[in-house]
Amino acid sequence: MNPPPLVLASSSPRRFDLMREAGLEFQVMAAQVEEEHDDRAPLDILTRANAVLKASWVADHRPDQWVIGADTLVTIDDQALGKPADMDGARRMLAMLSGRTHEVVTAVCLMHKNLDRRHEFQEITRVTFLPLTGPQIDNYLALINPLDKAGAYAAQEHGEKIIASVEGSWSNVVGLPMERLMETLQNTGIAS
C-alpha cells in the first residue's frame, strides 16, 4: 500500500484541520528544526526561509513524497509578532493589536526531493481588530491557549470577540492559505 502523496511538515492542529476539510490525503511529520528569528530580516524573507527549512527537513526523511512546509507571522508597525512566551506577553500583543489593522503573512514551500522540484508562495491577509479593553483581553485569553499562536490569537476560536474584519484569505489567518495551496497542488498535478 502506497503512502499518501503529501506530508504536512507541521504539528499544527489548525493546519491539519484545514487540509482535512479540503479533502486532502496526507500524513503529518513535524519538522524538528529551530526556526529562524531575526528582528532585522524582512518578514517575507523570514517566513520563506522558515517554510523552506521545515519542508527541507521533512523532505530529507520523506524524499519520495511531496512535503508542505509553512510559516506564519503576524506583523504590525514593521514588528513581527510570533508566539508569546507567556500570558503577559499574550496580553501585550493583543493590546498592541487592539483597534488596529495588522497583517498575517504565511509562506508555503511545496517540495519533492527525489523529483528535485520546489514551489513557493506567500499570502498576506489584513486583519482589523475591534477596540479591546483590558477585561475583554483577559476574557478572550481565558477562552483560548494563546501560547502556540502567532500574535496570541486564533481567528477560528472566538475570533468574533476580537476581529472586526478580514481582508483576504480567512484560512491564511487560521494558518494555511488553502486557496493558493489548492491552486498550486492542482497546477503541479498533485491534486485534481
N, C-alpha and C. Protein backbone atom coordinates (compact mmCIF):
# COMPACT_ATOMS: atom_id res chain seq x y z
N MET A 1 0.85 -1.19 0.00
CA MET A 1 0.00 0.00 0.00
C MET A 1 0.89 1.25 0.00
N ASN A 2 0.64 2.15 -0.91
CA ASN A 2 1.45 3.36 -1.04
C ASN A 2 1.02 4.41 -0.01
N PRO A 3 1.99 5.19 0.52
CA PRO A 3 1.63 6.27 1.45
C PRO A 3 0.94 7.40 0.69
N PRO A 4 0.20 8.25 1.40
CA PRO A 4 -0.40 9.41 0.74
C PRO A 4 0.69 10.24 0.07
N PRO A 5 0.34 10.94 -0.99
CA PRO A 5 1.36 11.70 -1.72
C PRO A 5 1.86 12.94 -0.99
N LEU A 6 1.15 13.39 0.03
CA LEU A 6 1.51 14.62 0.73
C LEU A 6 1.92 14.38 2.17
N VAL A 7 2.88 15.18 2.63
CA VAL A 7 3.27 15.18 4.04
C VAL A 7 3.22 16.63 4.52
N LEU A 8 2.51 16.87 5.59
CA LEU A 8 2.45 18.19 6.22
C LEU A 8 3.57 18.27 7.24
N ALA A 9 4.50 19.21 7.03
CA ALA A 9 5.66 19.35 7.91
C ALA A 9 5.32 20.24 9.10
N SER A 10 4.25 19.89 9.81
CA SER A 10 3.77 20.72 10.91
C SER A 10 2.90 19.89 11.83
N SER A 11 3.00 20.19 13.13
CA SER A 11 2.11 19.53 14.09
C SER A 11 0.93 20.43 14.44
N SER A 12 0.75 21.52 13.69
CA SER A 12 -0.32 22.47 13.98
C SER A 12 -1.69 21.82 13.75
N PRO A 13 -2.53 21.77 14.80
CA PRO A 13 -3.86 21.21 14.60
C PRO A 13 -4.70 22.06 13.65
N ARG A 14 -4.42 23.35 13.57
CA ARG A 14 -5.18 24.21 12.66
C ARG A 14 -4.86 23.87 11.21
N ARG A 15 -3.59 23.70 10.89
CA ARG A 15 -3.22 23.32 9.52
C ARG A 15 -3.76 21.94 9.18
N PHE A 16 -3.67 21.02 10.13
CA PHE A 16 -4.22 19.68 9.95
C PHE A 16 -5.70 19.75 9.59
N ASP A 17 -6.47 20.50 10.37
CA ASP A 17 -7.92 20.61 10.13
C ASP A 17 -8.21 21.24 8.77
N LEU A 18 -7.47 22.29 8.40
CA LEU A 18 -7.71 22.94 7.10
C LEU A 18 -7.47 21.97 5.95
N MET A 19 -6.41 21.19 6.03
CA MET A 19 -6.12 20.24 4.95
C MET A 19 -7.13 19.10 4.92
N ARG A 20 -7.53 18.63 6.09
CA ARG A 20 -8.55 17.58 6.15
C ARG A 20 -9.88 18.08 5.58
N GLU A 21 -10.27 19.30 5.96
CA GLU A 21 -11.52 19.87 5.46
C GLU A 21 -11.49 20.05 3.94
N ALA A 22 -10.29 20.24 3.38
CA ALA A 22 -10.16 20.38 1.93
C ALA A 22 -10.20 19.03 1.22
N GLY A 23 -10.25 17.95 1.99
CA GLY A 23 -10.35 16.62 1.40
C GLY A 23 -9.01 16.05 0.94
N LEU A 24 -7.91 16.62 1.41
CA LEU A 24 -6.59 16.14 1.01
C LEU A 24 -6.20 14.91 1.81
N GLU A 25 -5.53 13.98 1.14
CA GLU A 25 -4.99 12.80 1.80
C GLU A 25 -3.53 13.11 2.11
N PHE A 26 -3.15 13.01 3.39
CA PHE A 26 -1.80 13.41 3.77
C PHE A 26 -1.39 12.75 5.08
N GLN A 27 -0.10 12.81 5.35
CA GLN A 27 0.46 12.39 6.61
C GLN A 27 1.04 13.62 7.30
N VAL A 28 1.33 13.50 8.58
CA VAL A 28 1.93 14.58 9.34
C VAL A 28 3.29 14.12 9.84
N MET A 29 4.29 14.97 9.63
CA MET A 29 5.61 14.75 10.21
C MET A 29 6.15 16.13 10.57
N ALA A 30 6.12 16.45 11.85
CA ALA A 30 6.57 17.77 12.28
C ALA A 30 8.08 17.91 12.07
N ALA A 31 8.47 19.01 11.47
CA ALA A 31 9.89 19.29 11.25
C ALA A 31 10.58 19.57 12.58
N GLN A 32 11.68 18.92 12.82
CA GLN A 32 12.44 19.11 14.05
C GLN A 32 13.57 20.12 13.78
N VAL A 33 13.19 21.38 13.66
CA VAL A 33 14.14 22.44 13.31
C VAL A 33 13.99 23.60 14.28
N GLU A 34 15.02 24.39 14.37
CA GLU A 34 14.99 25.63 15.13
C GLU A 34 14.67 26.74 14.13
N GLU A 35 13.48 27.33 14.25
CA GLU A 35 13.09 28.38 13.31
C GLU A 35 14.00 29.59 13.43
N GLU A 36 14.19 30.25 12.30
CA GLU A 36 15.00 31.46 12.29
C GLU A 36 14.17 32.63 12.85
N HIS A 37 14.81 33.42 13.70
CA HIS A 37 14.17 34.62 14.28
C HIS A 37 15.17 35.75 14.19
N ASP A 38 14.93 36.66 13.27
CA ASP A 38 15.82 37.80 13.09
C ASP A 38 14.95 39.04 12.97
N ASP A 39 14.93 39.85 14.00
CA ASP A 39 14.08 41.04 14.02
C ASP A 39 14.40 42.02 12.90
N ARG A 40 15.61 41.94 12.35
CA ARG A 40 16.00 42.86 11.28
C ARG A 40 15.63 42.35 9.89
N ALA A 41 15.32 41.05 9.77
CA ALA A 41 15.02 40.47 8.45
C ALA A 41 13.62 40.85 8.01
N PRO A 42 13.44 41.17 6.73
CA PRO A 42 12.09 41.40 6.22
C PRO A 42 11.24 40.15 6.41
N LEU A 43 9.96 40.35 6.75
CA LEU A 43 9.10 39.22 7.07
C LEU A 43 8.92 38.25 5.91
N ASP A 44 8.87 38.76 4.68
CA ASP A 44 8.70 37.85 3.56
C ASP A 44 9.90 36.91 3.45
N ILE A 45 11.09 37.41 3.71
CA ILE A 45 12.30 36.58 3.64
C ILE A 45 12.33 35.61 4.83
N LEU A 46 11.97 36.09 6.01
CA LEU A 46 12.00 35.25 7.20
C LEU A 46 10.99 34.11 7.12
N THR A 47 9.76 34.40 6.72
CA THR A 47 8.75 33.34 6.64
C THR A 47 9.10 32.35 5.54
N ARG A 48 9.61 32.84 4.41
CA ARG A 48 10.02 31.92 3.34
C ARG A 48 11.16 31.03 3.80
N ALA A 49 12.14 31.60 4.49
CA ALA A 49 13.27 30.79 4.97
C ALA A 49 12.80 29.70 5.92
N ASN A 50 11.88 30.03 6.81
CA ASN A 50 11.39 29.03 7.76
C ASN A 50 10.52 27.97 7.08
N ALA A 51 9.72 28.36 6.10
CA ALA A 51 8.91 27.39 5.37
C ALA A 51 9.81 26.40 4.62
N VAL A 52 10.85 26.92 3.98
CA VAL A 52 11.80 26.06 3.25
C VAL A 52 12.55 25.17 4.24
N LEU A 53 12.96 25.72 5.37
CA LEU A 53 13.67 24.96 6.39
C LEU A 53 12.84 23.76 6.85
N LYS A 54 11.58 24.00 7.15
CA LYS A 54 10.70 22.92 7.61
C LYS A 54 10.47 21.88 6.52
N ALA A 55 10.16 22.35 5.31
CA ALA A 55 9.92 21.41 4.21
C ALA A 55 11.17 20.59 3.90
N SER A 56 12.34 21.22 3.92
CA SER A 56 13.59 20.52 3.62
C SER A 56 13.89 19.42 4.63
N TRP A 57 13.67 19.72 5.90
CA TRP A 57 13.94 18.72 6.94
C TRP A 57 13.07 17.48 6.73
N VAL A 58 11.79 17.70 6.48
CA VAL A 58 10.89 16.55 6.29
C VAL A 58 11.19 15.86 4.96
N ALA A 59 11.49 16.62 3.91
CA ALA A 59 11.81 16.02 2.61
C ALA A 59 13.05 15.14 2.69
N ASP A 60 13.99 15.48 3.56
CA ASP A 60 15.16 14.62 3.75
C ASP A 60 14.75 13.26 4.32
N HIS A 61 13.66 13.24 5.08
CA HIS A 61 13.18 11.99 5.68
C HIS A 61 12.12 11.30 4.83
N ARG A 62 11.49 12.05 3.94
CA ARG A 62 10.45 11.51 3.05
C ARG A 62 10.74 11.96 1.60
N PRO A 63 11.87 11.53 1.03
CA PRO A 63 12.30 12.06 -0.26
C PRO A 63 11.41 11.69 -1.44
N ASP A 64 10.53 10.69 -1.27
CA ASP A 64 9.67 10.27 -2.37
C ASP A 64 8.25 10.83 -2.26
N GLN A 65 8.05 11.81 -1.37
CA GLN A 65 6.72 12.39 -1.20
C GLN A 65 6.80 13.92 -1.32
N TRP A 66 5.66 14.53 -1.66
CA TRP A 66 5.55 15.98 -1.66
C TRP A 66 5.37 16.44 -0.22
N VAL A 67 6.14 17.44 0.17
CA VAL A 67 6.11 17.95 1.54
C VAL A 67 5.64 19.40 1.52
N ILE A 68 4.76 19.73 2.47
CA ILE A 68 4.27 21.10 2.62
C ILE A 68 4.84 21.68 3.90
N GLY A 69 5.68 22.71 3.76
CA GLY A 69 6.20 23.45 4.90
C GLY A 69 5.58 24.84 4.89
N ALA A 70 5.24 25.35 6.06
CA ALA A 70 4.62 26.67 6.14
C ALA A 70 5.11 27.40 7.38
N ASP A 71 5.12 28.72 7.28
CA ASP A 71 5.47 29.56 8.42
C ASP A 71 4.59 30.79 8.40
N THR A 72 4.02 31.12 9.55
CA THR A 72 3.10 32.25 9.67
C THR A 72 3.60 33.22 10.73
N LEU A 73 3.57 34.50 10.40
CA LEU A 73 3.88 35.55 11.36
C LEU A 73 2.83 36.64 11.27
N VAL A 74 2.60 37.29 12.38
CA VAL A 74 1.72 38.45 12.45
C VAL A 74 2.64 39.67 12.54
N THR A 75 2.30 40.72 11.79
CA THR A 75 3.15 41.91 11.80
C THR A 75 2.33 43.18 11.96
N ILE A 76 2.87 44.08 12.76
CA ILE A 76 2.27 45.40 12.94
C ILE A 76 3.41 46.37 13.22
N ASP A 77 3.33 47.54 12.63
CA ASP A 77 4.38 48.56 12.81
C ASP A 77 5.77 48.01 12.47
N ASP A 78 5.84 47.20 11.41
CA ASP A 78 7.10 46.59 10.98
C ASP A 78 7.73 45.71 12.06
N GLN A 79 6.92 45.22 12.95
CA GLN A 79 7.38 44.33 14.02
C GLN A 79 6.68 42.99 13.89
N ALA A 80 7.47 41.91 13.89
CA ALA A 80 6.89 40.57 13.83
C ALA A 80 6.42 40.15 15.20
N LEU A 81 5.22 39.59 15.26
CA LEU A 81 4.70 39.03 16.49
C LEU A 81 4.62 37.52 16.31
N GLY A 82 5.50 36.82 16.95
CA GLY A 82 5.47 35.37 16.90
C GLY A 82 4.54 34.84 17.97
N LYS A 83 4.88 33.68 18.51
CA LYS A 83 4.10 33.11 19.60
C LYS A 83 4.57 33.73 20.92
N PRO A 84 3.63 34.15 21.76
CA PRO A 84 4.04 34.77 23.02
C PRO A 84 4.70 33.76 23.96
N ALA A 85 5.64 34.24 24.76
CA ALA A 85 6.36 33.37 25.71
C ALA A 85 5.51 33.03 26.92
N ASP A 86 4.59 33.94 27.27
CA ASP A 86 3.76 33.73 28.46
C ASP A 86 2.48 34.55 28.33
N MET A 87 1.62 34.45 29.33
CA MET A 87 0.33 35.15 29.27
C MET A 87 0.49 36.66 29.29
N ASP A 88 1.49 37.17 29.99
CA ASP A 88 1.72 38.62 29.97
C ASP A 88 2.10 39.07 28.57
N GLY A 89 2.92 38.29 27.89
CA GLY A 89 3.29 38.60 26.51
C GLY A 89 2.07 38.55 25.60
N ALA A 90 1.17 37.59 25.84
CA ALA A 90 -0.06 37.48 25.04
C ALA A 90 -0.93 38.72 25.25
N ARG A 91 -1.06 39.18 26.51
CA ARG A 91 -1.85 40.39 26.79
C ARG A 91 -1.25 41.60 26.06
N ARG A 92 0.07 41.73 26.11
CA ARG A 92 0.73 42.86 25.44
C ARG A 92 0.47 42.83 23.92
N MET A 93 0.56 41.63 23.34
CA MET A 93 0.32 41.52 21.89
C MET A 93 -1.11 41.92 21.53
N LEU A 94 -2.08 41.41 22.28
CA LEU A 94 -3.47 41.74 21.97
C LEU A 94 -3.75 43.22 22.20
N ALA A 95 -3.14 43.81 23.20
CA ALA A 95 -3.29 45.26 23.44
C ALA A 95 -2.69 46.05 22.28
N MET A 96 -1.58 45.59 21.75
CA MET A 96 -0.94 46.25 20.61
C MET A 96 -1.82 46.17 19.36
N LEU A 97 -2.53 45.05 19.18
CA LEU A 97 -3.38 44.85 18.01
C LEU A 97 -4.75 45.52 18.15
N SER A 98 -5.16 45.83 19.37
CA SER A 98 -6.47 46.37 19.66
C SER A 98 -6.81 47.61 18.83
N GLY A 99 -7.95 47.53 18.12
CA GLY A 99 -8.45 48.66 17.34
C GLY A 99 -7.62 49.00 16.11
N ARG A 100 -6.70 48.14 15.73
CA ARG A 100 -5.79 48.44 14.62
C ARG A 100 -5.81 47.34 13.57
N THR A 101 -5.21 47.65 12.44
CA THR A 101 -5.08 46.68 11.36
C THR A 101 -3.65 46.15 11.33
N HIS A 102 -3.53 44.84 11.21
CA HIS A 102 -2.22 44.19 11.10
C HIS A 102 -2.25 43.22 9.93
N GLU A 103 -1.10 42.65 9.63
CA GLU A 103 -1.01 41.69 8.53
C GLU A 103 -0.61 40.33 9.06
N VAL A 104 -1.21 39.29 8.46
CA VAL A 104 -0.83 37.91 8.72
C VAL A 104 -0.11 37.44 7.45
N VAL A 105 1.15 37.06 7.62
CA VAL A 105 1.99 36.66 6.50
C VAL A 105 2.30 35.17 6.63
N THR A 106 1.93 34.39 5.61
CA THR A 106 2.26 32.96 5.59
C THR A 106 3.02 32.64 4.33
N ALA A 107 4.16 31.99 4.49
CA ALA A 107 4.92 31.47 3.36
C ALA A 107 4.72 29.96 3.33
N VAL A 108 4.61 29.42 2.12
CA VAL A 108 4.43 27.99 1.93
C VAL A 108 5.48 27.48 0.95
N CYS A 109 6.06 26.35 1.29
CA CYS A 109 7.03 25.69 0.41
C CYS A 109 6.53 24.27 0.16
N LEU A 110 6.31 23.94 -1.09
CA LEU A 110 5.92 22.60 -1.52
C LEU A 110 7.13 21.99 -2.20
N MET A 111 7.61 20.86 -1.67
CA MET A 111 8.90 20.32 -2.12
C MET A 111 8.84 18.80 -2.30
N HIS A 112 9.49 18.32 -3.36
CA HIS A 112 9.68 16.88 -3.58
C HIS A 112 11.17 16.66 -3.84
N LYS A 113 11.84 16.02 -2.91
CA LYS A 113 13.30 15.91 -3.00
C LYS A 113 13.74 15.05 -4.18
N ASN A 114 13.17 13.85 -4.33
CA ASN A 114 13.62 12.96 -5.40
C ASN A 114 13.35 13.52 -6.79
N LEU A 115 12.30 14.28 -6.93
CA LEU A 115 12.00 14.91 -8.24
C LEU A 115 12.73 16.23 -8.41
N ASP A 116 13.39 16.70 -7.36
CA ASP A 116 14.11 17.98 -7.37
C ASP A 116 13.18 19.11 -7.83
N ARG A 117 12.00 19.14 -7.21
CA ARG A 117 11.02 20.19 -7.55
C ARG A 117 10.62 20.93 -6.28
N ARG A 118 10.41 22.23 -6.46
CA ARG A 118 10.02 23.07 -5.33
C ARG A 118 9.15 24.22 -5.84
N HIS A 119 8.09 24.49 -5.11
CA HIS A 119 7.19 25.61 -5.41
C HIS A 119 7.02 26.40 -4.12
N GLU A 120 7.12 27.73 -4.22
CA GLU A 120 6.95 28.59 -3.06
C GLU A 120 5.95 29.69 -3.37
N PHE A 121 5.21 30.07 -2.37
CA PHE A 121 4.34 31.25 -2.49
C PHE A 121 4.12 31.83 -1.11
N GLN A 122 3.59 33.04 -1.12
CA GLN A 122 3.33 33.75 0.13
C GLN A 122 1.96 34.42 0.04
N GLU A 123 1.27 34.44 1.14
CA GLU A 123 -0.05 35.07 1.21
C GLU A 123 -0.05 36.08 2.35
N ILE A 124 -0.64 37.26 2.09
CA ILE A 124 -0.74 38.30 3.11
C ILE A 124 -2.21 38.67 3.27
N THR A 125 -2.69 38.63 4.50
CA THR A 125 -4.08 38.98 4.81
C THR A 125 -4.07 40.10 5.84
N ARG A 126 -4.95 41.10 5.61
CA ARG A 126 -5.05 42.22 6.55
C ARG A 126 -6.22 41.95 7.51
N VAL A 127 -5.92 42.06 8.80
CA VAL A 127 -6.91 41.79 9.84
C VAL A 127 -7.05 43.04 10.70
N THR A 128 -8.28 43.48 10.92
CA THR A 128 -8.55 44.63 11.79
C THR A 128 -9.22 44.13 13.06
N PHE A 129 -8.65 44.51 14.18
CA PHE A 129 -9.20 44.13 15.48
C PHE A 129 -10.22 45.15 15.97
N LEU A 130 -11.15 44.68 16.76
CA LEU A 130 -12.05 45.57 17.49
C LEU A 130 -11.23 46.29 18.57
N PRO A 131 -11.68 47.46 19.01
CA PRO A 131 -11.02 48.07 20.17
C PRO A 131 -11.29 47.18 21.39
N LEU A 132 -10.25 46.83 22.12
CA LEU A 132 -10.39 45.90 23.24
C LEU A 132 -9.96 46.55 24.55
N THR A 133 -10.75 46.35 25.58
CA THR A 133 -10.37 46.81 26.92
C THR A 133 -9.54 45.71 27.59
N GLY A 134 -8.90 46.04 28.68
CA GLY A 134 -8.15 45.05 29.45
C GLY A 134 -8.99 43.85 29.85
N PRO A 135 -10.20 44.08 30.41
CA PRO A 135 -11.05 42.93 30.77
C PRO A 135 -11.48 42.10 29.56
N GLN A 136 -11.72 42.75 28.41
CA GLN A 136 -12.07 41.99 27.21
C GLN A 136 -10.90 41.10 26.77
N ILE A 137 -9.68 41.61 26.85
CA ILE A 137 -8.50 40.82 26.51
C ILE A 137 -8.38 39.64 27.47
N ASP A 138 -8.55 39.88 28.75
CA ASP A 138 -8.47 38.80 29.74
C ASP A 138 -9.55 37.75 29.50
N ASN A 139 -10.76 38.19 29.18
CA ASN A 139 -11.85 37.25 28.90
C ASN A 139 -11.53 36.40 27.68
N TYR A 140 -10.98 37.02 26.64
CA TYR A 140 -10.62 36.28 25.44
C TYR A 140 -9.52 35.26 25.75
N LEU A 141 -8.51 35.68 26.48
CA LEU A 141 -7.40 34.78 26.80
C LEU A 141 -7.85 33.61 27.68
N ALA A 142 -8.93 33.78 28.41
CA ALA A 142 -9.46 32.69 29.22
C ALA A 142 -10.15 31.63 28.34
N LEU A 143 -10.47 32.00 27.11
CA LEU A 143 -11.17 31.08 26.20
C LEU A 143 -10.24 30.25 25.33
N ILE A 144 -9.01 30.70 25.12
CA ILE A 144 -8.09 30.02 24.20
C ILE A 144 -6.72 29.82 24.86
N ASN A 145 -5.88 29.05 24.21
CA ASN A 145 -4.47 28.95 24.60
C ASN A 145 -3.68 29.80 23.60
N PRO A 146 -3.24 30.99 23.99
CA PRO A 146 -2.57 31.87 23.04
C PRO A 146 -1.09 31.55 22.84
N LEU A 147 -0.53 30.66 23.64
CA LEU A 147 0.92 30.47 23.64
C LEU A 147 1.45 29.71 22.42
N ASP A 148 0.57 29.06 21.66
CA ASP A 148 1.03 28.37 20.46
C ASP A 148 0.52 29.05 19.19
N LYS A 149 0.21 30.35 19.31
CA LYS A 149 -0.38 31.07 18.17
C LYS A 149 0.36 32.38 17.92
N ALA A 150 0.75 32.58 16.67
CA ALA A 150 1.38 33.85 16.29
C ALA A 150 0.41 34.98 16.57
N GLY A 151 0.89 36.03 17.25
CA GLY A 151 0.04 37.16 17.58
C GLY A 151 -0.87 36.92 18.77
N ALA A 152 -0.80 35.73 19.37
CA ALA A 152 -1.55 35.38 20.59
C ALA A 152 -3.06 35.26 20.37
N TYR A 153 -3.48 35.00 19.12
CA TYR A 153 -4.92 34.83 18.92
C TYR A 153 -5.20 33.78 17.86
N ALA A 154 -6.44 33.31 17.85
CA ALA A 154 -6.89 32.32 16.87
C ALA A 154 -8.19 32.81 16.27
N ALA A 155 -8.17 33.11 14.99
CA ALA A 155 -9.37 33.63 14.32
C ALA A 155 -10.52 32.64 14.41
N GLN A 156 -10.20 31.35 14.38
CA GLN A 156 -11.24 30.32 14.38
C GLN A 156 -11.75 29.99 15.78
N GLU A 157 -11.11 30.53 16.81
CA GLU A 157 -11.54 30.29 18.18
C GLU A 157 -12.01 31.60 18.80
N HIS A 158 -13.31 31.83 18.76
CA HIS A 158 -13.92 33.03 19.34
C HIS A 158 -13.38 34.31 18.70
N GLY A 159 -13.01 34.22 17.44
CA GLY A 159 -12.49 35.38 16.71
C GLY A 159 -13.46 36.54 16.66
N GLU A 160 -14.74 36.23 16.71
CA GLU A 160 -15.76 37.30 16.66
C GLU A 160 -15.64 38.25 17.85
N LYS A 161 -15.01 37.82 18.92
CA LYS A 161 -14.85 38.67 20.11
C LYS A 161 -13.73 39.70 19.95
N ILE A 162 -12.83 39.49 18.96
CA ILE A 162 -11.68 40.38 18.81
C ILE A 162 -11.51 40.96 17.41
N ILE A 163 -12.06 40.28 16.38
CA ILE A 163 -11.81 40.68 14.99
C ILE A 163 -12.99 41.47 14.43
N ALA A 164 -12.69 42.65 13.87
CA ALA A 164 -13.71 43.47 13.22
C ALA A 164 -13.86 43.08 11.76
N SER A 165 -12.72 42.84 11.06
CA SER A 165 -12.80 42.48 9.64
C SER A 165 -11.52 41.78 9.19
N VAL A 166 -11.67 41.01 8.10
CA VAL A 166 -10.56 40.31 7.47
C VAL A 166 -10.59 40.63 5.98
N GLU A 167 -9.46 41.10 5.47
CA GLU A 167 -9.33 41.44 4.06
C GLU A 167 -8.34 40.47 3.43
N GLY A 168 -8.88 39.50 2.69
CA GLY A 168 -8.03 38.47 2.08
C GLY A 168 -8.44 37.09 2.55
N SER A 169 -7.48 36.18 2.54
CA SER A 169 -7.74 34.77 2.84
C SER A 169 -7.98 34.53 4.33
N TRP A 170 -9.18 34.04 4.64
CA TRP A 170 -9.51 33.68 6.03
C TRP A 170 -8.65 32.51 6.48
N SER A 171 -8.48 31.50 5.62
CA SER A 171 -7.70 30.33 6.02
C SER A 171 -6.24 30.70 6.29
N ASN A 172 -5.74 31.74 5.64
CA ASN A 172 -4.39 32.20 5.92
C ASN A 172 -4.26 32.67 7.37
N VAL A 173 -5.28 33.35 7.86
CA VAL A 173 -5.28 33.83 9.25
C VAL A 173 -5.33 32.64 10.20
N VAL A 174 -6.00 31.58 9.80
CA VAL A 174 -6.07 30.37 10.62
C VAL A 174 -4.72 29.64 10.61
N GLY A 175 -3.96 29.74 9.50
CA GLY A 175 -2.64 29.13 9.50
C GLY A 175 -2.13 28.57 8.20
N LEU A 176 -3.00 28.48 7.16
CA LEU A 176 -2.55 27.94 5.88
C LEU A 176 -3.47 28.48 4.78
N PRO A 177 -2.93 29.23 3.82
CA PRO A 177 -3.77 29.81 2.76
C PRO A 177 -4.23 28.73 1.78
N MET A 178 -5.38 28.13 2.07
CA MET A 178 -5.83 26.96 1.33
C MET A 178 -6.17 27.24 -0.13
N GLU A 179 -6.65 28.45 -0.43
CA GLU A 179 -6.98 28.75 -1.82
C GLU A 179 -5.73 28.66 -2.69
N ARG A 180 -4.66 29.29 -2.26
CA ARG A 180 -3.39 29.26 -3.01
C ARG A 180 -2.77 27.86 -2.98
N LEU A 181 -2.87 27.17 -1.85
CA LEU A 181 -2.31 25.82 -1.76
C LEU A 181 -3.01 24.89 -2.74
N MET A 182 -4.34 24.92 -2.76
CA MET A 182 -5.09 24.03 -3.67
C MET A 182 -4.77 24.35 -5.12
N GLU A 183 -4.67 25.64 -5.45
CA GLU A 183 -4.33 26.05 -6.79
C GLU A 183 -2.93 25.53 -7.19
N THR A 184 -1.98 25.61 -6.27
CA THR A 184 -0.63 25.12 -6.53
C THR A 184 -0.62 23.60 -6.69
N LEU A 185 -1.35 22.89 -5.83
CA LEU A 185 -1.42 21.44 -5.92
C LEU A 185 -2.06 21.01 -7.24
N GLN A 186 -3.06 21.73 -7.69
CA GLN A 186 -3.70 21.41 -8.97
C GLN A 186 -2.79 21.72 -10.15
N ASN A 187 -2.12 22.87 -10.10
CA ASN A 187 -1.22 23.26 -11.20
C ASN A 187 -0.03 22.32 -11.34
N THR A 188 0.37 21.68 -10.25
CA THR A 188 1.50 20.75 -10.32
C THR A 188 1.04 19.30 -10.53
N GLY A 189 -0.27 19.10 -10.60
CA GLY A 189 -0.80 17.75 -10.86
C GLY A 189 -0.86 16.87 -9.63
N ILE A 190 -0.66 17.44 -8.44
CA ILE A 190 -0.68 16.66 -7.22
C ILE A 190 -2.11 16.39 -6.77
N ALA A 191 -2.99 17.36 -6.96
CA ALA A 191 -4.40 17.20 -6.60
C ALA A 191 -5.24 17.57 -7.81
N SER A 192 -6.41 16.98 -7.86
CA SER A 192 -7.31 17.26 -9.01
C SER A 192 -8.36 18.29 -8.64
